Protein backbone atom coordinates (compact mmCIF):
# COMPACT_ATOMS: atom_id res chain seq x y z
CA MET A 1 26.38 -11.43 -30.93
CA LYS A 2 24.74 -7.98 -31.18
CA LEU A 3 21.58 -9.60 -32.63
CA LEU A 4 21.39 -11.99 -29.66
CA ALA A 5 21.80 -9.14 -27.23
CA ALA A 6 19.07 -7.14 -28.99
CA LEU A 7 16.70 -10.10 -28.99
CA GLY A 8 17.41 -10.68 -25.28
CA LEU A 9 16.73 -7.02 -24.47
CA LEU A 10 13.47 -7.06 -26.49
CA LEU A 11 12.30 -10.23 -24.65
CA PHE A 12 13.13 -8.63 -21.30
CA PHE A 13 11.07 -5.51 -22.02
CA GLN A 14 8.14 -7.57 -23.36
CA THR A 15 8.16 -9.59 -20.13
CA ILE A 16 8.21 -6.41 -18.00
CA THR A 17 5.40 -4.66 -19.86
CA ALA A 18 3.21 -7.76 -19.57
CA GLN A 19 3.29 -7.36 -15.82
CA THR A 20 0.31 -4.96 -15.59
CA GLU A 21 -1.94 -6.60 -18.18
CA GLN A 22 -5.69 -6.80 -17.79
CA GLY A 23 -6.85 -9.74 -15.65
CA ARG A 24 -3.68 -10.11 -13.57
CA TYR A 25 -3.76 -9.94 -9.78
CA LEU A 26 -1.81 -7.49 -7.64
CA ILE A 27 -1.02 -8.51 -4.05
CA GLY A 28 1.38 -6.96 -1.57
CA GLY A 29 1.69 -4.03 0.81
CA SER A 30 3.74 -1.12 2.04
CA ALA A 31 5.17 0.11 5.32
CA ASP A 32 6.44 3.38 6.73
CA LEU A 33 8.24 4.33 9.93
CA SER A 34 8.67 7.86 11.33
CA GLU A 35 9.73 9.61 14.49
CA THR A 36 9.65 13.36 15.12
CA TYR A 37 11.10 15.43 17.93
CA SER A 38 10.21 18.89 19.22
CA GLY A 39 12.30 19.79 22.27
CA ARG A 40 11.73 16.99 24.80
CA ASN A 41 8.54 15.87 23.02
CA SER A 42 8.56 13.03 20.56
CA ASN A 43 6.08 11.27 18.27
CA PHE A 44 6.57 7.78 16.84
CA ASN A 45 4.48 6.18 14.07
CA PHE A 46 4.64 2.77 12.36
CA SER A 47 2.19 1.76 9.63
CA MET A 48 1.61 -1.40 7.55
CA SER A 49 -0.95 -1.64 4.75
CA PRO A 50 -1.59 -4.93 2.87
CA SER A 51 -3.66 -4.65 -0.33
CA PHE A 52 -5.19 -6.80 -3.07
CA ALA A 53 -6.36 -5.69 -6.53
CA VAL A 54 -7.25 -6.88 -10.04
CA PHE A 55 -6.21 -5.11 -13.22
CA ALA A 56 -9.51 -4.06 -14.75
CA VAL A 57 -7.73 -2.74 -17.80
CA LYS A 58 -4.02 -2.51 -18.69
CA ASN A 59 -2.09 -0.56 -15.98
CA PHE A 60 -5.19 0.20 -13.83
CA ALA A 61 -6.05 -2.00 -10.84
CA ILE A 62 -9.11 -1.93 -8.55
CA GLY A 63 -9.23 -3.68 -5.14
CA GLY A 64 -9.23 -3.27 -1.41
CA LYS A 65 -6.78 -2.14 1.26
CA TYR A 66 -6.36 -2.67 5.01
CA ALA A 67 -4.03 -0.57 7.15
CA VAL A 68 -2.92 -0.51 10.79
CA THR A 69 -0.90 2.26 12.37
CA ILE A 70 0.73 2.27 15.79
CA GLY A 71 1.60 5.55 17.39
CA ASP A 72 3.22 6.76 20.57
CA ALA A 73 3.35 10.42 21.64
CA THR A 74 5.63 11.37 24.54
CA THR A 75 5.19 14.79 26.16
CA PHE A 76 7.39 16.41 28.76
CA ASP A 77 5.64 18.47 31.54
CA ALA A 78 8.05 21.11 32.87
CA SER A 79 5.83 21.88 35.91
CA THR A 80 6.13 18.35 37.27
CA ASN A 81 9.43 17.53 35.52
CA SER A 82 7.87 14.30 34.19
CA TYR A 83 6.97 12.58 30.91
CA SER A 84 3.54 11.29 29.86
CA SER A 85 2.92 8.92 26.99
CA ILE A 86 -0.19 8.35 24.83
CA PHE A 87 -0.44 5.18 22.79
CA SER A 88 -2.71 5.01 19.72
CA LEU A 89 -3.89 2.32 17.30
CA THR A 90 -5.56 3.21 14.02
CA THR A 91 -7.12 0.70 11.60
CA PHE A 92 -8.53 1.37 8.15
CA VAL A 93 -10.35 -0.62 5.49
CA GLY A 94 -11.68 0.55 2.10
CA PRO A 95 -11.46 0.44 -1.68
CA TYR A 96 -8.14 0.91 -3.45
CA LEU A 97 -7.27 2.26 -6.92
CA LYS A 98 -3.83 2.04 -8.54
CA TYR A 99 -2.39 3.17 -11.82
CA TYR A 100 1.00 2.44 -13.47
CA LEU A 101 2.48 4.76 -16.08
CA GLY A 102 5.15 3.81 -18.56
CA LYS A 103 6.51 0.76 -20.39
CA LYS A 104 10.00 0.44 -18.92
CA PRO A 105 11.21 -1.54 -15.83
CA VAL A 106 10.88 1.66 -13.81
CA LYS A 107 7.34 2.96 -13.91
CA GLY A 108 5.49 5.84 -12.37
CA VAL A 109 2.74 4.78 -9.97
CA ALA A 110 -0.19 6.61 -8.36
CA ALA A 111 -2.68 5.21 -5.86
CA PHE A 112 -5.78 6.41 -4.01
CA ASN A 113 -7.88 4.88 -1.26
CA GLY A 114 -10.59 5.96 1.10
CA GLY A 115 -12.74 4.25 3.71
CA TYR A 116 -13.78 3.54 7.28
CA SER A 117 -11.29 4.05 10.08
CA ILE A 118 -11.20 3.45 13.84
CA TYR A 119 -8.95 5.41 16.17
CA THR A 120 -8.12 4.04 19.64
CA GLN A 121 -6.12 6.11 22.18
CA ILE A 122 -4.78 4.91 25.51
CA GLY A 123 -3.32 7.39 27.94
CA GLY A 124 -3.04 6.61 31.65
CA ALA A 125 -6.40 5.17 32.81
CA ASN A 126 -8.33 6.68 29.87
CA ILE A 127 -9.26 4.80 26.66
CA ILE A 128 -10.85 6.64 23.71
CA ASN A 129 -12.37 4.74 20.77
CA LEU A 130 -13.59 6.83 17.84
CA ASN A 131 -15.04 6.09 14.42
CA GLY A 132 -13.97 8.11 11.38
CA PHE A 133 -13.12 8.33 7.70
CA ALA A 134 -9.77 8.56 6.00
CA LEU A 135 -8.43 9.40 2.50
CA GLN A 136 -4.96 8.79 1.12
CA GLY A 137 -3.26 9.55 -2.13
CA SER A 138 0.30 8.68 -3.16
CA MET A 139 2.74 9.03 -6.09
CA GLY A 140 6.03 7.37 -6.64
CA LEU A 141 8.09 4.90 -8.60
CA ALA A 142 7.83 1.09 -9.10
CA TYR A 143 11.02 -0.89 -9.77
CA PHE A 144 10.23 -4.10 -11.64
CA PHE A 145 12.66 -6.97 -11.08
CA ASN A 146 10.77 -9.35 -13.36
CA ARG A 147 7.22 -10.17 -14.42
CA TYR A 148 6.12 -11.07 -10.88
CA ILE A 149 7.86 -8.76 -8.37
CA SER A 150 8.26 -5.04 -7.83
CA ILE A 151 9.52 -2.70 -5.12
CA GLU A 152 7.72 0.61 -4.89
CA THR A 153 8.60 3.85 -3.16
CA ALA A 154 6.08 6.69 -2.77
CA MET A 155 5.25 9.94 -1.08
CA TYR A 156 1.78 10.02 0.42
CA VAL A 157 -0.72 12.38 1.98
CA ASN A 158 -3.21 10.98 4.47
CA SER A 159 -6.17 12.97 5.76
CA ALA A 160 -8.44 11.64 8.51
CA GLY A 161 -11.36 12.87 10.60
CA TYR A 162 -12.81 11.30 13.77
CA GLU A 163 -15.71 12.04 16.12
CA THR A 164 -15.00 14.94 18.52
CA LEU A 165 -11.43 15.39 17.08
CA LEU A 166 -10.17 17.97 14.60
CA PRO A 167 -9.24 16.60 11.15
CA SER A 168 -5.62 15.68 10.80
CA THR A 169 -3.21 15.40 7.81
CA ARG A 170 0.00 13.40 7.65
CA ILE A 171 2.65 13.41 4.93
CA GLY A 172 5.10 10.58 4.68
CA PHE A 173 7.24 8.19 2.64
CA SER A 174 6.53 4.47 2.19
CA VAL A 175 8.25 1.43 0.75
CA GLY A 176 6.28 -1.58 -0.57
CA LEU A 177 6.78 -5.00 -2.04
CA PHE A 178 4.24 -6.24 -4.56
CA GLY A 179 3.60 -9.45 -6.45
CA PHE A 180 1.82 -9.83 -9.79
CA LEU A 181 -0.02 -13.09 -10.45
CA ASP A 182 -1.53 -14.52 -13.60
CA LYS A 183 -5.22 -15.36 -13.67
CA LYS A 184 -5.90 -19.02 -13.29
CA LYS A 185 -6.04 -20.82 -16.58
CA PRO A 186 -8.80 -23.36 -17.16
CA ALA A 187 -7.77 -26.98 -16.91
CA PRO A 188 -7.62 -28.76 -20.33
CA SER A 189 -10.67 -30.94 -20.98
CA ALA A 190 -10.10 -34.66 -20.76
CA PRO A 191 -10.13 -36.58 -24.06
CA PRO A 192 -13.20 -38.76 -24.76
CA THR A 193 -12.87 -42.23 -23.32
CA GLY A 194 -15.16 -44.07 -25.69
CA SER A 195 -17.24 -43.72 -28.80
CA GLU A 196 -20.57 -41.95 -28.60
CA GLN A 197 -23.67 -44.17 -28.52
């Protein structure tokens, strides 16, 4: 009985460690939600970032990432006893690097991406549309359920700069769901149908 349990445990760990092998595909994304208050002022942010990558070597994947962030800043003006709201939409696209550390079902994970970003702000009758550049790094843990699925939690730091605006930095916490796919295997060749002439 103990031998069967040991064999089962060994097979489980071999299946998990094969998840980040060279040539496999990584597809998924993460999301984060935050709201901050300062007196009567508040700031809401929601972000989603799908990504796709290929493991160039074991544990190290290279690919691309797209992100969209929705924000809403509400400010109270004591002189008029009224609130004003500014809505923002930020999009990002760029290369994506990701590294997994460890051989157990719970692995350390670090990611980095940088690229082109567009910031759009709508407040009252004014619309501002600015081009910029953003960088983001994150570190966290990946929880592997099996060879194909993981849930990842990470702390991240995002720095962005846009035309006419001062650079900004945001620190947050994200949760993501990722799938690991095998590379397509070549179809077996058909057997010869007749003798060679």
